C-alpha atoms as a PDB file:
ATOM      1  CA  MET A   1     -10.966 -11.180 -38.912  1.00  0.00           C
ATOM      2  CA  SER A   2     -10.701  -7.555 -37.765  1.00  0.00           C
ATOM      3  CA  LEU A   3     -13.787  -8.031 -35.575  1.00  0.00           C
ATOM      4  CA  ILE A   4     -12.043 -10.900 -33.803  1.00  0.00           C
ATOM      5  CA  LYS A   5      -8.897  -8.796 -33.268  1.00  0.00           C
ATOM      6  CA  LEU A   6     -11.008  -5.923 -31.989  1.00  0.00           C
ATOM      7  CA  SER A   7     -12.875  -8.232 -29.614  1.00  0.00           C
ATOM      8  CA  ILE A   8      -9.635  -9.726 -28.294  1.00  0.00           C
ATOM      9  CA  SER A   9      -8.141  -6.266 -27.801  1.00  0.00           C
ATOM     10  CA  PHE A  10     -11.248  -5.098 -25.973  1.00  0.00           C
ATOM     11  CA  LEU A  11     -11.317  -8.152 -23.703  1.00  0.00           C
ATOM     12  CA  ALA A  12      -7.613  -7.852 -22.938  1.00  0.00           C
ATOM     13  CA  SER A  13      -8.016  -4.164 -22.095  1.00  0.00           C
ATOM     14  CA  ALA A  14     -11.025  -4.867 -19.909  1.00  0.00           C
ATOM     15  CA  ALA A  15      -9.156  -7.612 -18.052  1.00  0.00           C
ATOM     16  CA  LEU A  16      -6.162  -5.356 -17.524  1.00  0.00           C
ATOM     17  CA  LEU A  17      -8.278  -2.476 -16.212  1.00  0.00           C
ATOM     18  CA  SER A  18     -10.163  -4.837 -13.928  1.00  0.00           C
ATOM     19  CA  ALA A  19      -6.948  -6.245 -12.509  1.00  0.00           C
ATOM     20  CA  CYS A  20      -5.480  -2.786 -11.983  1.00  0.00           C
ATOM     21  CA  SER A  21      -8.575  -1.535 -10.183  1.00  0.00           C
ATOM     22  CA  GLN A  22      -8.237  -4.206  -7.507  1.00  0.00           C
ATOM     23  CA  PRO A  23      -5.617  -3.167  -4.950  1.00  0.00           C
ATOM     24  CA  ASP A  24      -2.856  -5.678  -4.419  1.00  0.00           C
ATOM     25  CA  GLN A  25      -3.063  -7.266  -0.957  1.00  0.00           C
ATOM     26  CA  ALA A  26       0.660  -6.655  -0.418  1.00  0.00           C
ATOM     27  CA  GLN A  27       0.173  -2.964  -1.172  1.00  0.00           C
ATOM     28  CA  CYS A  28      -2.709  -2.754   1.285  1.00  0.00           C
ATOM     29  CA  ALA A  29      -0.588  -4.535   3.892  1.00  0.00           C
ATOM     30  CA  CYS A  30       2.133  -1.957   3.305  1.00  0.00           C
ATOM     31  CA  LEU A  31      -0.333   0.885   3.747  1.00  0.00           C
ATOM     32  CA  LYS A  32      -1.706  -0.641   6.942  1.00  0.00           C
ATOM     33  CA  GLN A  33       1.808  -1.088   8.326  1.00  0.00           C
ATOM     34  CA  ALA A  34       2.702   2.513   7.437  1.00  0.00           C
ATOM     35  CA  GLN A  35      -0.356   3.699   9.346  1.00  0.00           C
ATOM     36  CA  LYS A  36       0.760   1.628  12.341  1.00  0.00           C
ATOM     37  CA  VAL A  37       4.211   3.247  12.165  1.00  0.00           C
ATOM     38  CA  ASN A  38       2.605   6.695  12.007  1.00  0.00           C
ATOM     39  CA  HIS A  39       0.491   5.949  15.073  1.00  0.00           C
ATOM     40  CA  LEU A  40       3.477   4.634  17.032  1.00  0.00           C
ATOM     41  CA  SER A  41       5.514   7.684  15.972  1.00  0.00           C
ATOM     42  CA  GLU A  42       2.818   9.944  17.409  1.00  0.00           C
ATOM     43  CA  VAL A  43       3.043   8.027  20.678  1.00  0.00           C
ATOM     44  CA  ILE A  44       6.836   8.379  20.717  1.00  0.00           C
ATOM     45  CA  TRP A  45       6.618  12.147  20.200  1.00  0.00           C
ATOM     46  CA  SER A  46       4.089  12.483  23.007  1.00  0.00           C
ATOM     47  CA  ALA A  47       5.222  12.837  26.578  1.00  0.00           C
ATOM     48  CA  THR A  48       3.719   9.473  27.534  1.00  0.00           C
ATOM     49  CA  ALA A  49       5.959   7.162  25.456  1.00  0.00           C
ATOM     50  CA  THR A  50       7.479   4.152  27.181  1.00  0.00           C
ATOM     51  CA  HIS A  51      10.490   2.007  26.370  1.00  0.00           C
ATOM     52  CA  GLN A  52       8.061  -0.647  25.087  1.00  0.00           C
ATOM     53  CA  ASP A  53       6.632   1.927  22.643  1.00  0.00           C
ATOM     54  CA  THR A  54      10.144   2.498  21.301  1.00  0.00           C
ATOM     55  CA  ILE A  55      10.641  -1.238  20.799  1.00  0.00           C
ATOM     56  CA  LEU A  56       7.259  -1.556  19.066  1.00  0.00           C
ATOM     57  CA  LEU A  57       8.119   1.333  16.741  1.00  0.00           C
ATOM     58  CA  LYS A  58      11.450  -0.230  15.818  1.00  0.00           C
ATOM     59  CA  GLN A  59       9.754  -3.552  15.033  1.00  0.00           C
ATOM     60  CA  ALA A  60       7.010  -1.829  13.036  1.00  0.00           C
ATOM     61  CA  LEU A  61       9.593   0.127  11.016  1.00  0.00           C
ATOM     62  CA  GLU A  62      11.517  -3.057  10.197  1.00  0.00           C
ATOM     63  CA  LYS A  63       8.343  -4.815   9.089  1.00  0.00           C
ATOM     64  CA  LYS A  64       7.263  -1.807   7.027  1.00  0.00           C
ATOM     65  CA  GLU A  65      10.638  -1.663   5.307  1.00  0.00           C
ATOM     66  CA  SER A  66      10.434  -5.329   4.355  1.00  0.00           C
ATOM     67  CA  ILE A  67       6.876  -5.286   2.978  1.00  0.00           C
ATOM     68  CA  CYS A  68       6.960  -1.842   1.348  1.00  0.00           C
ATOM     69  CA  LYS A  69      10.115  -2.097  -0.766  1.00  0.00           C
ATOM     70  CA  GLU A  70       8.297  -1.767  -4.109  1.00  0.00           C
ATOM     71  CA  LEU A  71       6.136   1.175  -3.073  1.00  0.00           C
ATOM     72  CA  VAL A  72       8.999   3.282  -1.785  1.00  0.00           C
ATOM     73  CA  GLN A  73       9.724   4.571  -5.295  1.00  0.00           C
ATOM     74  CA  SER A  74       6.053   5.274  -6.166  1.00  0.00           C
ATOM     75  CA  ALA A  75       4.811   8.766  -6.857  1.00  0.00           C
ATOM     76  CA  PRO A  76       2.666  10.434  -4.155  1.00  0.00           C
ATOM     77  CA  ASP A  77      -0.452  10.369  -6.355  1.00  0.00           C
ATOM     78  CA  VAL A  78      -0.110   6.591  -6.757  1.00  0.00           C
ATOM     79  CA  LEU A  79       0.079   6.222  -2.991  1.00  0.00           C
ATOM     80  CA  GLN A  80      -3.008   8.400  -2.542  1.00  0.00           C
ATOM     81  CA  GLN A  81      -4.954   6.240  -5.029  1.00  0.00           C
ATOM     82  CA  LEU A  82      -3.843   3.144  -3.139  1.00  0.00           C
ATOM     83  CA  LYS A  83      -4.942   4.668   0.166  1.00  0.00           C
ATOM     84  CA  GLU A  84      -8.396   5.299  -1.298  1.00  0.00           C
ATOM     85  CA  ALA A  85      -8.645   1.777  -2.769  1.00  0.00           C
ATOM     86  CA  CYS A  86      -7.530  -0.229   0.259  1.00  0.00           C
ATOM     87  CA  PRO A  87      -9.968  -0.998   3.050  1.00  0.00           C
ATOM     88  CA  GLN A  88      -9.040   0.799   6.232  1.00  0.00           C
END
């Protein structure tokens, strides 16, 4: 009986670790959108920004805010791990 419990515990732990090692697609989408916002921000701070760049940044910020709500409260080390796990 204890062997069965041990096996179930091991399988549950393995499944949990496997699931946690795969980045959530929503989290990767958030990271990608944040990178887009960063790029557009660099354009805005350069001397070559246009009015269209400003509009694109505003839209990108709104989209980022909507898809990144859960990650806003995450610790910086969690975000770094996510950045490493998500395809760029």
